[in-house]
Amino acid sequence: MIDQFSNLTQFFSSYFHQDWPLEAETASDVVNNYLSSEPPESIEAASQELSQLLEMPIAPADLETFIFDELGCYYDPKSDNQTVREWLESVQKSLHNPR
C-alpha cells in the first residue's frame, strides 16, 4: 500500500522527520514550509494521495500506525488535542488550498 502513497511518504518523512521541531514551531509551520518549498505538481500529487487515504475505510488506530510507521511521520497530533484523522483533514485543506 505504501507504493501508492509515494508523495505522502516524501512529505511526511522529509518534513515531519524526527527533528522537525528544530525547524518549525508548529505542525502548521511545517506544512507552510512544504507549501513554499515544493513545486505545485508535488503538492497536488500529495493532496490527491491524502484524499485517497482519507477515503479508505481505515480504523483510527490503523491510520495512526500507517502514518507513523509506513509514511515516516514523527508528529503526533494528540499533542495538539487532535485525532490523526482530524489533523490529516486539516493538512488536506492546506494542501488543497495553498496560499
C-alpha atoms as a PDB file:
ATOM      1  CA  MET A   1       0.000   0.000   0.000  1.00  0.00           C
ATOM      2  CA  ILE A   2       2.878   2.357   0.655  1.00  0.00           C
ATOM      3  CA  ASP A   3       3.799   2.397  -3.062  1.00  0.00           C
ATOM      4  CA  GLN A   4       0.575   4.184  -3.903  1.00  0.00           C
ATOM      5  CA  PHE A   5       1.485   6.993  -1.463  1.00  0.00           C
ATOM      6  CA  SER A   6       4.979   7.952  -2.628  1.00  0.00           C
ATOM      7  CA  ASN A   7       4.274  11.703  -2.477  1.00  0.00           C
ATOM      8  CA  LEU A   8       2.855  11.438   1.035  1.00  0.00           C
ATOM      9  CA  THR A   9       5.868   9.411   2.090  1.00  0.00           C
ATOM     10  CA  GLN A  10       8.122  12.170   0.773  1.00  0.00           C
ATOM     11  CA  PHE A  11       6.032  14.839   2.535  1.00  0.00           C
ATOM     12  CA  PHE A  12       5.853  13.150   5.933  1.00  0.00           C
ATOM     13  CA  SER A  13       9.338  11.662   6.042  1.00  0.00           C
ATOM     14  CA  SER A  14      11.045  14.799   4.717  1.00  0.00           C
ATOM     15  CA  TYR A  15       9.081  17.480   6.542  1.00  0.00           C
ATOM     16  CA  PHE A  16       7.796  15.714   9.669  1.00  0.00           C
ATOM     17  CA  HIS A  17      11.068  13.873  10.322  1.00  0.00           C
ATOM     18  CA  GLN A  18      12.474  13.219  13.811  1.00  0.00           C
ATOM     19  CA  ASP A  19      13.930  16.702  14.170  1.00  0.00           C
ATOM     20  CA  TRP A  20      11.082  18.725  12.685  1.00  0.00           C
ATOM     21  CA  PRO A  21      10.655  20.737  15.941  1.00  0.00           C
ATOM     22  CA  LEU A  22      14.128  22.169  15.342  1.00  0.00           C
ATOM     23  CA  GLU A  23      12.964  23.603  12.012  1.00  0.00           C
ATOM     24  CA  ALA A  24       9.471  24.813  12.875  1.00  0.00           C
ATOM     25  CA  GLU A  25       7.476  25.813  15.924  1.00  0.00           C
ATOM     26  CA  THR A  26       4.218  24.134  14.951  1.00  0.00           C
ATOM     27  CA  ALA A  27       2.920  21.449  12.635  1.00  0.00           C
ATOM     28  CA  SER A  28       1.188  24.192  10.640  1.00  0.00           C
ATOM     29  CA  ASP A  29       4.560  25.861  10.126  1.00  0.00           C
ATOM     30  CA  VAL A  30       5.896  22.589   8.715  1.00  0.00           C
ATOM     31  CA  VAL A  31       3.012  22.388   6.244  1.00  0.00           C
ATOM     32  CA  ASN A  32       3.643  26.005   5.241  1.00  0.00           C
ATOM     33  CA  ASN A  33       7.343  25.208   4.731  1.00  0.00           C
ATOM     34  CA  TYR A  34       6.318  22.358   2.452  1.00  0.00           C
ATOM     35  CA  LEU A  35       3.947  24.593   0.506  1.00  0.00           C
ATOM     36  CA  SER A  36       6.613  27.236  -0.015  1.00  0.00           C
ATOM     37  CA  SER A  37       9.373  24.760  -0.915  1.00  0.00           C
ATOM     38  CA  GLU A  38       7.806  22.206  -3.232  1.00  0.00           C
ATOM     39  CA  PRO A  39       6.593  22.584  -6.812  1.00  0.00           C
ATOM     40  CA  PRO A  40       2.829  22.807  -7.345  1.00  0.00           C
ATOM     41  CA  GLU A  41       2.801  19.401  -9.068  1.00  0.00           C
ATOM     42  CA  SER A  42       4.213  17.698  -5.972  1.00  0.00           C
ATOM     43  CA  ILE A  43       1.766  19.474  -3.701  1.00  0.00           C
ATOM     44  CA  GLU A  44      -1.149  18.466  -5.919  1.00  0.00           C
ATOM     45  CA  ALA A  45       0.053  14.857  -6.038  1.00  0.00           C
ATOM     46  CA  ALA A  46       0.377  14.727  -2.239  1.00  0.00           C
ATOM     47  CA  SER A  47      -3.065  16.288  -1.888  1.00  0.00           C
ATOM     48  CA  GLN A  48      -4.586  13.647  -4.169  1.00  0.00           C
ATOM     49  CA  GLU A  49      -2.875  10.837  -2.282  1.00  0.00           C
ATOM     50  CA  LEU A  50      -4.071  12.240   1.033  1.00  0.00           C
ATOM     51  CA  SER A  51      -7.617  12.375  -0.323  1.00  0.00           C
ATOM     52  CA  GLN A  52      -7.322   8.713  -1.324  1.00  0.00           C
ATOM     53  CA  LEU A  53      -6.011   7.780   2.109  1.00  0.00           C
ATOM     54  CA  LEU A  54      -8.793   9.641   3.906  1.00  0.00           C
ATOM     55  CA  GLU A  55     -11.437   7.956   1.745  1.00  0.00           C
ATOM     56  CA  MET A  56     -10.226   4.489   2.708  1.00  0.00           C
ATOM     57  CA  PRO A  57     -12.121   2.661   5.461  1.00  0.00           C
ATOM     58  CA  ILE A  58      -9.243   2.519   7.950  1.00  0.00           C
ATOM     59  CA  ALA A  59      -9.691   2.180  11.698  1.00  0.00           C
ATOM     60  CA  PRO A  60      -8.251   5.136  13.657  1.00  0.00           C
ATOM     61  CA  ALA A  61      -5.505   3.017  15.243  1.00  0.00           C
ATOM     62  CA  ASP A  62      -4.511   1.591  11.855  1.00  0.00           C
ATOM     63  CA  LEU A  63      -4.413   5.056  10.285  1.00  0.00           C
ATOM     64  CA  GLU A  64      -2.183   6.248  13.101  1.00  0.00           C
ATOM     65  CA  THR A  65       0.143   3.271  12.698  1.00  0.00           C
ATOM     66  CA  PHE A  66       0.275   3.779   8.941  1.00  0.00           C
ATOM     67  CA  ILE A  67       1.325   7.431   9.006  1.00  0.00           C
ATOM     68  CA  PHE A  68       3.870   6.872  11.775  1.00  0.00           C
ATOM     69  CA  ASP A  69       5.358   3.528  10.769  1.00  0.00           C
ATOM     70  CA  GLU A  70       4.869   3.432   6.992  1.00  0.00           C
ATOM     71  CA  LEU A  71       4.928   7.087   5.924  1.00  0.00           C
ATOM     72  CA  GLY A  72       7.605   8.171   8.404  1.00  0.00           C
ATOM     73  CA  CYS A  73       5.725  10.914  10.239  1.00  0.00           C
ATOM     74  CA  TYR A  74       7.134  11.989  13.613  1.00  0.00           C
ATOM     75  CA  TYR A  75       4.376  14.417  14.571  1.00  0.00           C
ATOM     76  CA  ASP A  76       1.702  13.190  16.958  1.00  0.00           C
ATOM     77  CA  PRO A  77      -1.479  15.253  16.618  1.00  0.00           C
ATOM     78  CA  LYS A  78      -2.588  14.150  20.082  1.00  0.00           C
ATOM     79  CA  SER A  79      -0.074  16.663  21.439  1.00  0.00           C
ATOM     80  CA  ASP A  80      -2.364  19.352  19.972  1.00  0.00           C
ATOM     81  CA  ASN A  81      -5.605  17.632  21.049  1.00  0.00           C
ATOM     82  CA  GLN A  82      -6.451  16.289  17.606  1.00  0.00           C
ATOM     83  CA  THR A  83      -7.001  12.809  16.286  1.00  0.00           C
ATOM     84  CA  VAL A  84      -4.834  11.665  13.408  1.00  0.00           C
ATOM     85  CA  ARG A  85      -7.826  11.868  11.070  1.00  0.00           C
ATOM     86  CA  GLU A  86      -8.691  15.410  12.193  1.00  0.00           C
ATOM     87  CA  TRP A  87      -5.127  16.509  11.654  1.00  0.00           C
ATOM     88  CA  LEU A  88      -4.875  14.833   8.249  1.00  0.00           C
ATOM     89  CA  GLU A  89      -8.109  16.527   7.206  1.00  0.00           C
ATOM     90  CA  SER A  90      -6.660  19.904   8.196  1.00  0.00           C
ATOM     91  CA  VAL A  91      -3.465  19.124   6.264  1.00  0.00           C
ATOM     92  CA  GLN A  92      -5.603  18.165   3.290  1.00  0.00           C
ATOM     93  CA  LYS A  93      -7.349  21.556   3.388  1.00  0.00           C
ATOM     94  CA  SER A  94      -3.962  23.300   3.441  1.00  0.00           C
ATOM     95  CA  LEU A  95      -2.617  21.239   0.557  1.00  0.00           C
ATOM     96  CA  HIS A  96      -5.779  21.674  -1.467  1.00  0.00           C
ATOM     97  CA  ASN A  97      -5.871  25.441  -0.916  1.00  0.00           C
ATOM     98  CA  PRO A  98      -2.243  26.572  -0.732  1.00  0.00           C
ATOM     99  CA  ARG A  99      -1.647  30.214  -0.042  1.00  0.00           C
END
